[in-house]
């Protein structure tokens, strides 16, 4: 899958929804809870897959998940119980930028 920036992806295992903020040149498989994420406006939206019990760390609304290795950044707009992953590897929360000192 190679979604465009700004596309909304929905989980097929729970209620997780993300917006694509950045996407590299590669076609990658993004999963949530062990099942593929789909275009929220596409024909597969609303389908259901069983969740992988090993991938239930959850997502947090308003947080960005980024994989620098793949050049992917996702913004969570609706939280859920599944873990976001690319190629089976969990996508970590993006670190916050340090603010400048206010001397």
C-alpha atoms as a PDB file:
ATOM      1  CA  UNK A   1       0.000   0.000   0.000  1.00  0.00           C
ATOM      2  CA  UNK A   2       1.214   3.503  -0.795  1.00  0.00           C
ATOM      3  CA  UNK A   3      -1.319   6.051   0.464  1.00  0.00           C
ATOM      4  CA  UNK A   4      -1.017   9.734  -0.309  1.00  0.00           C
ATOM      5  CA  UNK A   5      -0.215  12.299   2.385  1.00  0.00           C
ATOM      6  CA  UNK A   6      -3.453  13.381   4.052  1.00  0.00           C
ATOM      7  CA  UNK A   7      -5.198  10.041   3.498  1.00  0.00           C
ATOM      8  CA  UNK A   8      -7.153   8.532   6.384  1.00  0.00           C
ATOM      9  CA  UNK A   9      -6.480   4.883   7.257  1.00  0.00           C
ATOM     10  CA  UNK A  10      -8.821   2.819   9.406  1.00  0.00           C
ATOM     11  CA  UNK A  11      -8.141  -0.330  11.391  1.00  0.00           C
ATOM     12  CA  UNK A  12     -10.063  -3.505  10.634  1.00  0.00           C
ATOM     13  CA  UNK A  13      -9.601  -4.872  14.186  1.00  0.00           C
ATOM     14  CA  UNK A  14     -10.698  -1.927  16.340  1.00  0.00           C
ATOM     15  CA  UNK A  15     -11.685   1.746  16.089  1.00  0.00           C
ATOM     16  CA  UNK A  16      -8.170   3.140  15.432  1.00  0.00           C
ATOM     17  CA  UNK A  17      -7.976   5.782  12.696  1.00  0.00           C
ATOM     18  CA  UNK A  18      -4.834   7.612  11.530  1.00  0.00           C
ATOM     19  CA  UNK A  19      -3.962  10.333   9.033  1.00  0.00           C
ATOM     20  CA  UNK A  20      -0.853   9.923   6.879  1.00  0.00           C
ATOM     21  CA  UNK A  21       1.453  12.875   7.646  1.00  0.00           C
ATOM     22  CA  UNK A  22       4.515  11.602   5.780  1.00  0.00           C
ATOM     23  CA  UNK A  23       5.101   8.599   3.529  1.00  0.00           C
ATOM     24  CA  UNK A  24       8.338   7.440   1.901  1.00  0.00           C
ATOM     25  CA  UNK A  25       8.736   6.105  -1.618  1.00  0.00           C
ATOM     26  CA  UNK A  26       8.147   2.464  -0.657  1.00  0.00           C
ATOM     27  CA  UNK A  27       4.983   0.377  -0.765  1.00  0.00           C
ATOM     28  CA  UNK A  28       4.545  -0.750   2.846  1.00  0.00           C
ATOM     29  CA  UNK A  29       2.012  -2.822   4.741  1.00  0.00           C
ATOM     30  CA  UNK A  30       0.628  -0.863   7.693  1.00  0.00           C
ATOM     31  CA  UNK A  31      -1.209  -2.965  10.242  1.00  0.00           C
ATOM     32  CA  UNK A  32      -3.131  -2.295  13.426  1.00  0.00           C
ATOM     33  CA  UNK A  33      -3.648  -5.161  15.837  1.00  0.00           C
ATOM     34  CA  UNK A  34      -2.038  -7.531  13.323  1.00  0.00           C
ATOM     35  CA  UNK A  35      -4.510  -6.864  10.471  1.00  0.00           C
ATOM     36  CA  UNK A  36      -4.063  -4.508   7.490  1.00  0.00           C
ATOM     37  CA  UNK A  37      -5.278  -0.926   7.727  1.00  0.00           C
ATOM     38  CA  UNK A  38      -7.529   0.226   4.880  1.00  0.00           C
ATOM     39  CA  UNK A  39      -8.575   3.502   3.279  1.00  0.00           C
ATOM     40  CA  UNK A  40     -11.327   4.884   5.524  1.00  0.00           C
ATOM     41  CA  UNK A  41     -13.324   5.908   2.437  1.00  0.00           C
ATOM     42  CA  UNK A  42     -12.569   2.795   0.395  1.00  0.00           C
ATOM     43  CA  UNK A  43     -14.659  -0.309  -0.219  1.00  0.00           C
ATOM     44  CA  UNK A  44     -12.927  -2.272   2.578  1.00  0.00           C
ATOM     45  CA  UNK A  45     -13.839   0.284   5.266  1.00  0.00           C
ATOM     46  CA  UNK A  46     -15.998  -1.266   7.957  1.00  0.00           C
ATOM     47  CA  UNK A  47     -14.691  -4.803   7.412  1.00  0.00           C
ATOM     48  CA  UNK A  48     -13.582  -6.820  10.404  1.00  0.00           C
ATOM     49  CA  UNK A  49     -10.562  -9.050  11.046  1.00  0.00           C
ATOM     50  CA  UNK A  50      -9.568 -10.883  14.216  1.00  0.00           C
ATOM     51  CA  UNK A  51      -6.955  -9.050  16.294  1.00  0.00           C
ATOM     52  CA  UNK A  52      -3.561 -10.558  17.127  1.00  0.00           C
ATOM     53  CA  UNK A  53      -3.399 -10.777  20.959  1.00  0.00           C
ATOM     54  CA  UNK A  54       0.352 -10.058  20.831  1.00  0.00           C
ATOM     55  CA  UNK A  55      -0.261  -6.671  19.146  1.00  0.00           C
ATOM     56  CA  UNK A  56      -2.579  -4.969  21.619  1.00  0.00           C
ATOM     57  CA  UNK A  57      -0.428  -2.154  23.057  1.00  0.00           C
ATOM     58  CA  UNK A  58      -2.960   0.476  21.925  1.00  0.00           C
ATOM     59  CA  UNK A  59      -2.797   3.854  20.218  1.00  0.00           C
ATOM     60  CA  UNK A  60      -3.208   7.311  21.758  1.00  0.00           C
ATOM     61  CA  UNK A  61      -5.321  10.046  20.178  1.00  0.00           C
ATOM     62  CA  UNK A  62      -3.401  13.125  19.039  1.00  0.00           C
ATOM     63  CA  UNK A  63      -0.020  11.384  19.108  1.00  0.00           C
ATOM     64  CA  UNK A  64       2.263  10.901  16.126  1.00  0.00           C
ATOM     65  CA  UNK A  65       3.775   7.529  15.331  1.00  0.00           C
ATOM     66  CA  UNK A  66       6.898   7.596  13.168  1.00  0.00           C
ATOM     67  CA  UNK A  67       9.315   5.170  11.556  1.00  0.00           C
ATOM     68  CA  UNK A  68      12.413   7.068  10.436  1.00  0.00           C
ATOM     69  CA  UNK A  69      13.704   3.902   8.768  1.00  0.00           C
ATOM     70  CA  UNK A  70      10.725   3.853   6.374  1.00  0.00           C
ATOM     71  CA  UNK A  71      10.054   7.602   6.237  1.00  0.00           C
ATOM     72  CA  UNK A  72       6.518   7.177   7.599  1.00  0.00           C
ATOM     73  CA  UNK A  73       4.648   9.386  10.062  1.00  0.00           C
ATOM     74  CA  UNK A  74       1.041   8.796  11.158  1.00  0.00           C
ATOM     75  CA  UNK A  75      -1.215  10.971  13.341  1.00  0.00           C
ATOM     76  CA  UNK A  76      -3.751   9.084  15.463  1.00  0.00           C
ATOM     77  CA  UNK A  77      -7.202  10.706  15.229  1.00  0.00           C
ATOM     78  CA  UNK A  78      -9.183   7.941  16.934  1.00  0.00           C
ATOM     79  CA  UNK A  79      -7.568   5.656  19.556  1.00  0.00           C
ATOM     80  CA  UNK A  80      -7.933   1.913  19.814  1.00  0.00           C
ATOM     81  CA  UNK A  81      -6.456  -1.174  21.429  1.00  0.00           C
ATOM     82  CA  UNK A  82      -4.326  -2.365  18.473  1.00  0.00           C
ATOM     83  CA  UNK A  83      -0.638  -1.687  17.893  1.00  0.00           C
ATOM     84  CA  UNK A  84       0.407   0.200  14.736  1.00  0.00           C
ATOM     85  CA  UNK A  85       3.084  -1.726  12.840  1.00  0.00           C
ATOM     86  CA  UNK A  86       4.925  -1.731   9.514  1.00  0.00           C
ATOM     87  CA  UNK A  87       6.002  -5.136   8.278  1.00  0.00           C
ATOM     88  CA  UNK A  88       5.205  -6.620  11.702  1.00  0.00           C
ATOM     89  CA  UNK A  89       7.492  -4.160  13.551  1.00  0.00           C
ATOM     90  CA  UNK A  90       5.659  -1.788  15.938  1.00  0.00           C
ATOM     91  CA  UNK A  91       5.822   1.896  15.001  1.00  0.00           C
ATOM     92  CA  UNK A  92       7.035   3.923  18.018  1.00  0.00           C
ATOM     93  CA  UNK A  93       5.627   7.212  19.281  1.00  0.00           C
ATOM     94  CA  UNK A  94       7.461  10.173  17.764  1.00  0.00           C
ATOM     95  CA  UNK A  95       9.716  12.007  20.200  1.00  0.00           C
ATOM     96  CA  UNK A  96       8.734  15.566  21.072  1.00  0.00           C
ATOM     97  CA  UNK A  97      11.016  18.356  19.884  1.00  0.00           C
ATOM     98  CA  UNK A  98      12.820  20.108  22.734  1.00  0.00           C
ATOM     99  CA  UNK A  99      11.738  23.722  23.209  1.00  0.00           C
ATOM    100  CA  UNK A 100      14.340  26.469  23.232  1.00  0.00           C
ATOM    101  CA  UNK A 101      15.427  27.870  26.574  1.00  0.00           C
ATOM    102  CA  UNK A 102      13.551  30.962  27.708  1.00  0.00           C
ATOM    103  CA  UNK A 103      16.336  32.750  29.552  1.00  0.00           C
END
